[in-house]
Amino acid sequence: MSRQVSEHITRALDLIASKTLADETRIGAAFPYVTKPDGSWDTMSVAVSAGYTGKDWSHGNWFCGFWVGLLLTSYLHTGDEKYLKLAKDRMVLVEERAGDGNTHDIGFIFLSSAMPLFRITGDERYRAIGLRAADKLRSRLVVTDKGAYVSSWGPMTDPRGRAASAIDTMANIPLLYWAGKQADDASFRLAAEAHAQMTMLSFNRPDNTQFHAVEYDTMTGDRLRGYTFQGAHDDSYWSRGTGWAVMGLTVSAANSGKVSYLEQAIAISEKWFDALGDKVVPPYDFDSSDDDAPEDSSASAIMAAGLLDLADLHPDKATAEFWRGKAEWLIKGLCEDYLATEDGHRGILMHGCYSEPHKIGPDAAVMFGDYFFAEALVRIAFPGKFIEKYERLT
């Protein structure tokens, strides 16, 4: 790693450690998820699960684990035990969600908290928590004539929940692969890989763009419709979705040994960079007709993290170096132009977009963007220390 890269990564990790520690005294027992217009964090109780209220769907608190992850990246960066203690204290609150059967986001919650806590401490308690959560995620598998997929939203007793899946689920399945290895239970891995195969069959369009969500026929496995919650319209190119897909494909490659998953990740990444052009951050949706469409820095942070996986795994050295260069270019651009260095702005990355259609954080720091940015930084700065998703392909 060059001195220049080291400096901007160190500066960003310094900022994460400083802000995270300061905000621990401000947020109480709740968890941040999006910054308000004044720059302060909006927070939510860990107990708020996902579900339907009539026809309306709410994701609930799917981001609590990311805060634990930020504390852990700060611990690795600083070596200060107080960050590890704070992460463990927060984990006591997060642990109650390990039995939540309402959402695929249980993967996000525990791959960013229990998995790295176990990696860092070796404490079997965190392994057990992660395995309980993985069991709930595996239970969302819906088997059809065409294949199997992990349902994304809602209780499995609700037909709407059983039929719906999202591209985001690709970034949740690393918890299943990890659990398969930890429990020596291949059913976790088989469920994850089945989901990856079904998702790319049903979500990936001929031009290598992706639907945000798909409604399946739960018997035949046919796609009844592709649609969006957070994109511009049902057939649009929602920029964050490609990063989620790359994450799932790369980890599927590592755990299955199939390089074809990496080649698919490369194909959809090439399309994403073509749409991005010479910018570092895309609009929230590449097909938005709004000239003032908000940017989404989280899309670039997520893509960078996914491409680091791809670079770590690809057996061809030149290909691996090319995509690592792309990841580092995104990270450098985020560090130079998108860091929220002002004290009044409590997030890490400016100009993220939670959901433009719902006007939730349309121009804000978003917790998932901050987390995957931090994960990418610490994996460059401290390789092998933070999280174990895979072993390198040979």
Protein backbone atom coordinates (compact mmCIF):
# COMPACT_ATOMS: atom_id res chain seq x y z
CA MET A 1 0.00 0.00 0.00
CA SER A 2 1.45 3.36 -1.02
CA ARG A 3 2.13 6.16 1.43
CA GLN A 4 -0.57 8.29 -0.23
CA VAL A 5 -3.22 5.57 0.15
CA SER A 6 -2.09 4.92 3.70
CA GLU A 7 -2.53 8.57 4.63
CA HIS A 8 -6.08 8.98 3.38
CA ILE A 9 -7.17 5.66 4.82
CA THR A 10 -5.62 6.50 8.18
CA ARG A 11 -7.31 9.89 8.17
CA ALA A 12 -10.68 8.30 7.47
CA LEU A 13 -10.24 5.70 10.19
CA ASP A 14 -9.22 8.45 12.62
CA LEU A 15 -12.47 10.25 11.82
CA ILE A 16 -14.55 7.10 12.31
CA ALA A 17 -12.95 6.40 15.69
CA SER A 18 -13.39 9.98 16.88
CA LYS A 19 -17.02 10.36 15.84
CA THR A 20 -18.12 6.91 16.94
CA LEU A 21 -16.68 7.37 20.41
CA ALA A 22 -18.23 10.81 20.82
CA ASP A 23 -21.64 9.64 19.64
CA GLU A 24 -21.71 6.72 22.08
CA THR A 25 -22.42 9.29 24.79
CA ARG A 26 -25.21 10.93 22.77
CA ILE A 27 -27.37 8.17 21.34
CA GLY A 28 -28.31 6.31 24.51
CA ALA A 29 -29.56 2.76 24.00
CA ALA A 30 -30.85 3.43 20.46
CA PHE A 31 -28.93 2.95 17.21
CA PRO A 32 -28.21 5.52 14.46
CA TYR A 33 -29.32 4.94 10.90
CA VAL A 34 -29.55 8.22 8.96
CA THR A 35 -28.51 11.80 9.62
CA LYS A 36 -31.13 14.52 9.88
CA PRO A 37 -30.88 17.76 7.86
CA ASP A 38 -29.01 19.37 10.77
CA GLY A 39 -26.37 16.61 10.66
CA SER A 40 -27.38 14.83 13.88
CA TRP A 41 -28.19 11.13 13.89
CA ASP A 42 -31.74 9.87 13.75
CA THR A 43 -31.97 6.73 15.87
CA MET A 44 -34.21 3.73 16.43
CA SER A 45 -34.62 1.14 19.17
CA VAL A 46 -33.03 -2.23 18.52
CA ALA A 47 -36.37 -3.89 19.33
CA VAL A 48 -38.14 -2.56 16.22
CA SER A 49 -38.48 -5.51 13.86
CA ALA A 50 -39.69 -5.58 10.29
CA GLY A 51 -43.28 -6.28 9.34
CA TYR A 52 -46.51 -5.27 7.68
CA THR A 53 -49.00 -2.75 8.99
CA GLY A 54 -51.92 -3.33 6.67
CA LYS A 55 -50.45 -2.98 3.19
CA ASP A 56 -47.53 -0.90 4.36
CA TRP A 57 -44.14 -2.47 4.92
CA SER A 58 -41.55 -1.28 7.43
CA HIS A 59 -37.97 -2.55 7.51
CA GLY A 60 -37.58 -1.79 11.21
CA ASN A 61 -34.10 -1.66 12.74
CA TRP A 62 -31.89 -3.61 10.34
CA PHE A 63 -28.78 -1.52 10.97
CA CYS A 64 -27.97 -2.04 14.66
CA GLY A 65 -25.13 -4.45 13.91
CA PHE A 66 -23.38 -1.87 11.76
CA TRP A 67 -22.77 0.32 14.81
CA VAL A 68 -21.06 -2.60 16.54
CA GLY A 69 -18.97 -3.00 13.40
CA LEU A 70 -17.88 0.64 13.48
CA LEU A 71 -16.78 0.25 17.10
CA LEU A 72 -14.79 -2.85 16.17
CA THR A 73 -13.06 -1.21 13.22
CA SER A 74 -12.14 1.63 15.57
CA TYR A 75 -10.72 -0.89 18.04
CA LEU A 76 -8.51 -2.45 15.38
CA HIS A 77 -7.36 0.97 14.20
CA THR A 78 -6.60 2.46 17.61
CA GLY A 79 -5.83 -0.61 19.71
CA ASP A 80 -7.83 1.06 22.48
CA GLU A 81 -9.72 -1.49 24.58
CA LYS A 82 -12.55 0.92 25.30
CA TYR A 83 -13.87 0.44 21.76
CA LEU A 84 -13.95 -3.32 22.25
CA LYS A 85 -15.79 -2.94 25.54
CA LEU A 86 -18.33 -0.62 23.94
CA ALA A 87 -18.84 -3.10 21.10
CA LYS A 88 -19.45 -5.90 23.59
CA ASP A 89 -21.90 -3.75 25.56
CA ARG A 90 -23.79 -2.89 22.38
CA MET A 91 -23.85 -6.55 21.41
CA VAL A 92 -25.88 -7.30 24.53
CA LEU A 93 -28.64 -5.17 22.99
CA VAL A 94 -28.21 -6.52 19.46
CA GLU A 95 -28.28 -10.15 20.60
CA GLU A 96 -32.03 -10.07 21.18
CA ARG A 97 -32.54 -9.88 17.41
CA ALA A 98 -30.90 -13.27 16.81
CA GLY A 99 -34.31 -14.92 17.04
CA ASP A 100 -36.04 -12.51 14.65
CA GLY A 101 -37.80 -14.47 11.93
CA ASN A 102 -39.28 -11.48 10.10
CA THR A 103 -36.47 -10.35 7.82
CA HIS A 104 -33.47 -11.30 5.70
CA ASP A 105 -31.68 -8.34 7.27
CA ILE A 106 -30.80 -10.57 10.20
CA GLY A 107 -27.82 -11.34 7.96
CA PHE A 108 -26.71 -7.70 7.91
CA ILE A 109 -27.24 -7.37 11.66
CA PHE A 110 -24.98 -10.27 12.62
CA LEU A 111 -22.39 -10.43 9.85
CA SER A 112 -21.31 -6.95 10.96
CA SER A 113 -21.37 -7.70 14.70
CA ALA A 114 -21.23 -11.33 15.86
CA MET A 115 -18.97 -12.46 13.02
CA PRO A 116 -16.20 -9.88 13.59
CA LEU A 117 -16.57 -10.08 17.38
CA PHE A 118 -15.89 -13.80 17.19
CA ARG A 119 -13.02 -13.22 14.77
CA ILE A 120 -11.41 -10.63 17.04
CA THR A 121 -12.04 -12.17 20.46
CA GLY A 122 -12.45 -15.89 19.84
CA ASP A 123 -15.29 -15.83 22.38
CA GLU A 124 -17.65 -18.74 21.68
CA ARG A 125 -20.60 -16.64 22.83
CA TYR A 126 -20.44 -14.58 19.65
CA ARG A 127 -20.12 -17.66 17.48
CA ALA A 128 -23.28 -19.06 19.10
CA ILE A 129 -25.16 -15.80 18.54
CA GLY A 130 -24.16 -15.75 14.89
CA LEU A 131 -25.24 -19.35 14.41
CA ARG A 132 -28.66 -18.68 15.97
CA ALA A 133 -29.17 -15.80 13.58
CA ALA A 134 -28.00 -17.86 10.61
CA ASP A 135 -30.52 -20.55 11.49
CA LYS A 136 -33.30 -17.96 11.25
CA LEU A 137 -31.98 -16.73 7.91
CA ARG A 138 -31.79 -20.29 6.55
CA SER A 139 -35.39 -20.85 7.61
CA ARG A 140 -36.45 -18.20 5.08
CA LEU A 141 -35.50 -20.47 2.17
CA VAL A 142 -38.42 -21.04 -0.22
CA VAL A 143 -38.04 -24.10 -2.46
CA THR A 144 -39.72 -23.99 -5.89
CA ASP A 145 -39.71 -26.12 -9.04
CA LYS A 146 -37.12 -23.82 -10.62
CA GLY A 147 -34.84 -23.40 -7.62
CA ALA A 148 -34.73 -21.92 -4.15
CA TYR A 149 -34.42 -18.39 -2.81
CA VAL A 150 -34.28 -16.66 0.56
CA SER A 151 -37.38 -14.58 1.14
CA SER A 152 -36.51 -11.02 2.08
CA TRP A 153 -39.33 -9.39 3.99
CA GLY A 154 -42.05 -10.27 6.42
CA PRO A 155 -43.04 -13.31 8.46
CA MET A 156 -42.93 -16.56 6.51
CA THR A 157 -46.58 -17.16 7.40
CA ASP A 158 -47.52 -14.20 5.19
CA PRO A 159 -47.82 -15.04 1.46
CA ARG A 160 -46.45 -11.61 0.57
CA GLY A 161 -43.30 -12.31 2.54
CA ARG A 162 -42.78 -15.75 1.03
CA ALA A 163 -43.07 -14.43 -2.51
CA ALA A 164 -40.73 -11.43 -2.18
CA SER A 165 -36.97 -11.34 -2.51
CA ALA A 166 -34.54 -8.45 -2.95
CA ILE A 167 -31.10 -7.96 -4.46
CA ASP A 168 -30.00 -6.85 -0.96
CA THR A 169 -30.35 -10.46 0.20
CA MET A 170 -27.19 -11.27 -1.76
CA ALA A 171 -25.24 -9.24 0.79
CA ASN A 172 -26.95 -11.05 3.70
CA ILE A 173 -26.00 -14.58 2.64
CA PRO A 174 -22.35 -14.33 3.82
CA LEU A 175 -23.78 -15.12 7.27
CA LEU A 176 -25.02 -18.45 5.88
CA TYR A 177 -21.66 -19.33 4.34
CA TRP A 178 -19.90 -18.47 7.60
CA ALA A 179 -22.38 -20.58 9.56
CA GLY A 180 -21.85 -23.54 7.25
CA LYS A 181 -18.16 -23.54 8.05
CA GLN A 182 -18.56 -22.82 11.76
CA ALA A 183 -21.24 -25.46 12.33
CA ASP A 184 -19.82 -27.95 9.81
CA ASP A 185 -23.29 -27.99 8.29
CA ALA A 186 -23.41 -27.90 4.51
CA SER A 187 -27.11 -27.01 4.47
CA PHE A 188 -26.23 -23.39 5.25
CA ARG A 189 -23.89 -23.22 2.25
CA LEU A 190 -26.33 -24.99 -0.04
CA ALA A 191 -29.11 -22.58 0.92
CA ALA A 192 -26.88 -19.58 0.23
CA GLU A 193 -25.66 -20.85 -3.11
CA ALA A 194 -29.16 -21.82 -4.20
CA HIS A 195 -30.24 -18.27 -3.44
CA ALA A 196 -27.35 -16.78 -5.42
CA GLN A 197 -28.17 -18.93 -8.45
CA MET A 198 -31.88 -18.12 -8.32
CA THR A 199 -31.28 -14.42 -7.78
CA MET A 200 -29.00 -13.94 -10.75
CA LEU A 201 -31.38 -15.98 -12.91
CA SER A 202 -34.37 -13.84 -11.92
CA PHE A 203 -32.91 -10.42 -11.08
CA ASN A 204 -30.16 -9.89 -13.63
CA ARG A 205 -31.42 -8.32 -16.86
CA PRO A 206 -29.83 -8.95 -20.29
CA ASP A 207 -27.90 -5.67 -20.07
CA ASN A 208 -26.38 -6.66 -16.69
CA THR A 209 -28.51 -4.29 -14.65
CA GLN A 210 -30.60 -5.66 -11.81
CA PHE A 211 -34.12 -5.38 -10.43
CA HIS A 212 -34.31 -4.21 -6.84
CA ALA A 213 -36.95 -6.79 -5.93
CA VAL A 214 -38.74 -9.74 -7.47
CA GLU A 215 -42.09 -11.34 -6.74
CA TYR A 216 -41.98 -15.10 -7.36
CA ASP A 217 -44.57 -17.73 -7.97
CA THR A 218 -43.77 -19.74 -4.88
CA MET A 219 -44.64 -23.04 -6.57
CA THR A 220 -43.01 -22.75 -10.00
CA GLY A 221 -40.28 -20.24 -9.16
CA ASP A 222 -41.25 -18.07 -12.13
CA ARG A 223 -40.71 -14.34 -11.78
CA LEU A 224 -44.12 -12.72 -11.67
CA ARG A 225 -42.72 -9.20 -11.69
CA GLY A 226 -39.60 -7.18 -11.07
CA TYR A 227 -40.05 -3.97 -9.13
CA THR A 228 -38.42 -1.43 -6.84
CA PHE A 229 -38.83 0.12 -3.43
CA GLN A 230 -35.94 2.54 -3.48
CA GLY A 231 -35.20 3.02 -7.17
CA ALA A 232 -36.73 5.47 -9.63
CA HIS A 233 -39.17 3.00 -11.20
CA ASP A 234 -39.66 -0.74 -11.51
CA ASP A 235 -37.35 -1.20 -14.52
CA SER A 236 -34.71 1.33 -13.50
CA TYR A 237 -31.04 0.80 -12.66
CA TRP A 238 -30.84 1.33 -8.90
CA SER A 239 -27.15 1.99 -8.31
CA ARG A 240 -26.78 0.40 -4.87
CA GLY A 241 -28.13 -2.95 -6.00
CA THR A 242 -25.09 -3.91 -8.06
CA GLY A 243 -22.84 -3.66 -5.02
CA TRP A 244 -25.12 -5.98 -3.07
CA ALA A 245 -24.98 -8.47 -5.94
CA VAL A 246 -21.17 -8.33 -6.18
CA MET A 247 -20.86 -9.09 -2.47
CA GLY A 248 -23.02 -12.18 -2.73
CA LEU A 249 -21.43 -13.45 -5.92
CA THR A 250 -17.88 -13.17 -4.66
CA VAL A 251 -18.58 -14.95 -1.39
CA SER A 252 -20.50 -17.62 -3.33
CA ALA A 253 -17.43 -18.12 -5.51
CA ALA A 254 -15.19 -18.58 -2.48
CA ASN A 255 -17.47 -21.04 -0.76
CA SER A 256 -18.38 -23.07 -3.84
CA GLY A 257 -15.06 -22.92 -5.68
CA LYS A 258 -16.86 -21.75 -8.84
CA VAL A 259 -14.95 -18.98 -10.61
CA SER A 260 -18.03 -18.44 -12.79
CA TYR A 261 -19.53 -16.40 -9.94
CA LEU A 262 -16.55 -14.04 -10.12
CA GLU A 263 -16.98 -13.69 -13.87
CA GLN A 264 -20.61 -12.73 -13.36
CA ALA A 265 -19.56 -10.23 -10.70
CA ILE A 266 -17.08 -8.74 -13.17
CA ALA A 267 -19.70 -8.46 -15.92
CA ILE A 268 -22.16 -6.55 -13.75
CA SER A 269 -19.35 -4.41 -12.28
CA GLU A 270 -18.22 -3.41 -15.76
CA LYS A 271 -21.76 -2.26 -16.54
CA TRP A 272 -21.83 -0.25 -13.27
CA PHE A 273 -18.56 1.53 -14.02
CA ASP A 274 -19.70 2.28 -17.58
CA ALA A 275 -22.78 3.97 -16.13
CA LEU A 276 -20.68 5.74 -13.48
CA GLY A 277 -18.37 7.38 -16.00
CA ASP A 278 -15.67 9.57 -14.50
CA LYS A 279 -17.56 10.18 -11.25
CA VAL A 280 -16.73 8.57 -7.92
CA VAL A 281 -20.32 8.43 -6.68
CA PRO A 282 -23.39 7.55 -8.76
CA PRO A 283 -26.87 9.02 -8.56
CA TYR A 284 -29.17 6.92 -6.41
CA ASP A 285 -30.58 5.56 -9.67
CA PHE A 286 -28.79 5.72 -13.01
CA ASP A 287 -32.15 6.00 -14.79
CA SER A 288 -33.59 8.83 -12.73
CA SER A 289 -35.12 11.51 -14.93
CA ASP A 290 -34.54 14.15 -12.26
CA ASP A 291 -31.66 16.48 -13.16
CA ASP A 292 -31.11 17.00 -9.43
CA ALA A 293 -31.27 13.32 -8.48
CA PRO A 294 -29.41 12.80 -5.20
CA GLU A 295 -26.11 10.98 -5.16
CA ASP A 296 -25.58 7.81 -3.15
CA SER A 297 -22.11 7.57 -1.63
CA SER A 298 -23.14 4.32 0.05
CA ALA A 299 -23.37 2.70 -3.40
CA SER A 300 -19.68 3.39 -3.98
CA ALA A 301 -18.69 2.25 -0.49
CA ILE A 302 -20.58 -1.01 -0.95
CA MET A 303 -19.15 -1.57 -4.41
CA ALA A 304 -15.62 -0.93 -3.11
CA ALA A 305 -16.08 -3.51 -0.35
CA GLY A 306 -17.43 -6.04 -2.85
CA LEU A 307 -14.57 -5.45 -5.28
CA LEU A 308 -12.01 -6.02 -2.52
CA ASP A 309 -13.60 -9.46 -2.13
CA LEU A 310 -13.34 -10.01 -5.88
CA ALA A 311 -9.69 -8.94 -5.93
CA ASP A 312 -8.82 -11.16 -2.97
CA LEU A 313 -10.42 -14.15 -4.64
CA HIS A 314 -9.76 -13.99 -8.37
CA PRO A 315 -7.13 -16.57 -9.33
CA ASP A 316 -5.74 -14.43 -12.18
CA LYS A 317 -3.26 -11.94 -10.72
CA ALA A 318 -3.73 -9.26 -13.37
CA THR A 319 -7.52 -9.40 -13.10
CA ALA A 320 -7.32 -9.27 -9.32
CA GLU A 321 -5.00 -6.24 -9.41
CA PHE A 322 -7.27 -4.43 -11.87
CA TRP A 323 -10.33 -4.75 -9.65
CA ARG A 324 -8.40 -3.94 -6.50
CA GLY A 325 -7.34 -0.77 -8.27
CA LYS A 326 -10.98 0.05 -8.98
CA ALA A 327 -11.89 -0.49 -5.33
CA GLU A 328 -9.03 1.68 -4.11
CA TRP A 329 -9.95 4.40 -6.62
CA LEU A 330 -13.46 4.52 -5.21
CA ILE A 331 -12.16 4.56 -1.63
CA LYS A 332 -9.68 7.34 -2.37
CA GLY A 333 -12.39 9.43 -4.01
CA LEU A 334 -14.71 8.96 -1.05
CA CYS A 335 -11.92 9.91 1.34
CA GLU A 336 -11.05 13.05 -0.62
CA ASP A 337 -14.49 14.40 -1.47
CA TYR A 338 -17.17 12.78 0.70
CA LEU A 339 -15.86 12.62 4.27
CA ALA A 340 -18.04 14.55 6.72
CA THR A 341 -15.22 16.31 8.51
CA GLU A 342 -17.42 18.98 10.09
CA ASP A 343 -18.17 18.28 13.74
CA GLY A 344 -21.85 19.15 13.30
CA HIS A 345 -22.30 16.38 10.72
CA ARG A 346 -22.21 13.18 12.76
CA GLY A 347 -22.04 10.70 9.90
CA ILE A 348 -18.89 9.58 8.09
CA LEU A 349 -19.83 9.78 4.40
CA MET A 350 -21.83 12.73 3.11
CA HIS A 351 -24.37 12.44 0.30
CA GLY A 352 -25.71 8.98 0.90
CA CYS A 353 -29.28 8.15 -0.02
CA TYR A 354 -31.40 5.79 2.06
CA SER A 355 -34.59 6.03 -0.04
CA GLU A 356 -35.33 8.87 -2.41
CA PRO A 357 -38.90 7.67 -3.22
CA HIS A 358 -39.77 7.65 0.49
CA LYS A 359 -37.74 10.80 1.25
CA ILE A 360 -35.85 9.00 4.00
CA GLY A 361 -32.34 10.42 4.12
CA PRO A 362 -32.27 11.45 0.47
CA ASP A 363 -29.04 13.40 1.09
CA ALA A 364 -27.52 12.15 4.32
CA ALA A 365 -25.03 9.85 5.96
CA VAL A 366 -26.52 6.36 6.09
CA MET A 367 -25.34 3.74 8.55
CA PHE A 368 -24.93 0.97 5.97
CA GLY A 369 -22.76 3.24 3.82
CA ASP A 370 -20.60 4.22 6.78
CA TYR A 371 -20.20 0.59 7.84
CA PHE A 372 -19.17 -0.85 4.47
CA PHE A 373 -16.83 2.10 3.96
CA ALA A 374 -15.22 1.32 7.33
CA GLU A 375 -15.09 -2.40 6.51
CA ALA A 376 -13.28 -1.68 3.25
CA LEU A 377 -10.81 0.64 4.97
CA VAL A 378 -9.93 -1.74 7.78
CA ARG A 379 -9.60 -4.69 5.44
CA ILE A 380 -6.96 -2.74 3.52
CA ALA A 381 -5.25 -1.46 6.65
CA PHE A 382 -5.50 -4.69 8.70
CA PRO A 383 -5.99 -7.59 6.27
CA GLY A 384 -7.42 -10.73 7.83
CA LYS A 385 -8.10 -9.15 11.21
CA PHE A 386 -11.72 -8.01 10.95
CA ILE A 387 -14.04 -10.48 9.28
CA GLU A 388 -13.85 -13.97 7.83
CA LYS A 389 -16.11 -14.42 4.82
CA TYR A 390 -14.06 -16.89 2.79
CA GLU A 391 -10.75 -18.50 2.05
CA ARG A 392 -8.81 -17.48 -1.04
CA LEU A 393 -9.44 -19.51 -4.20
CA THR A 394 -6.46 -21.35 -5.62
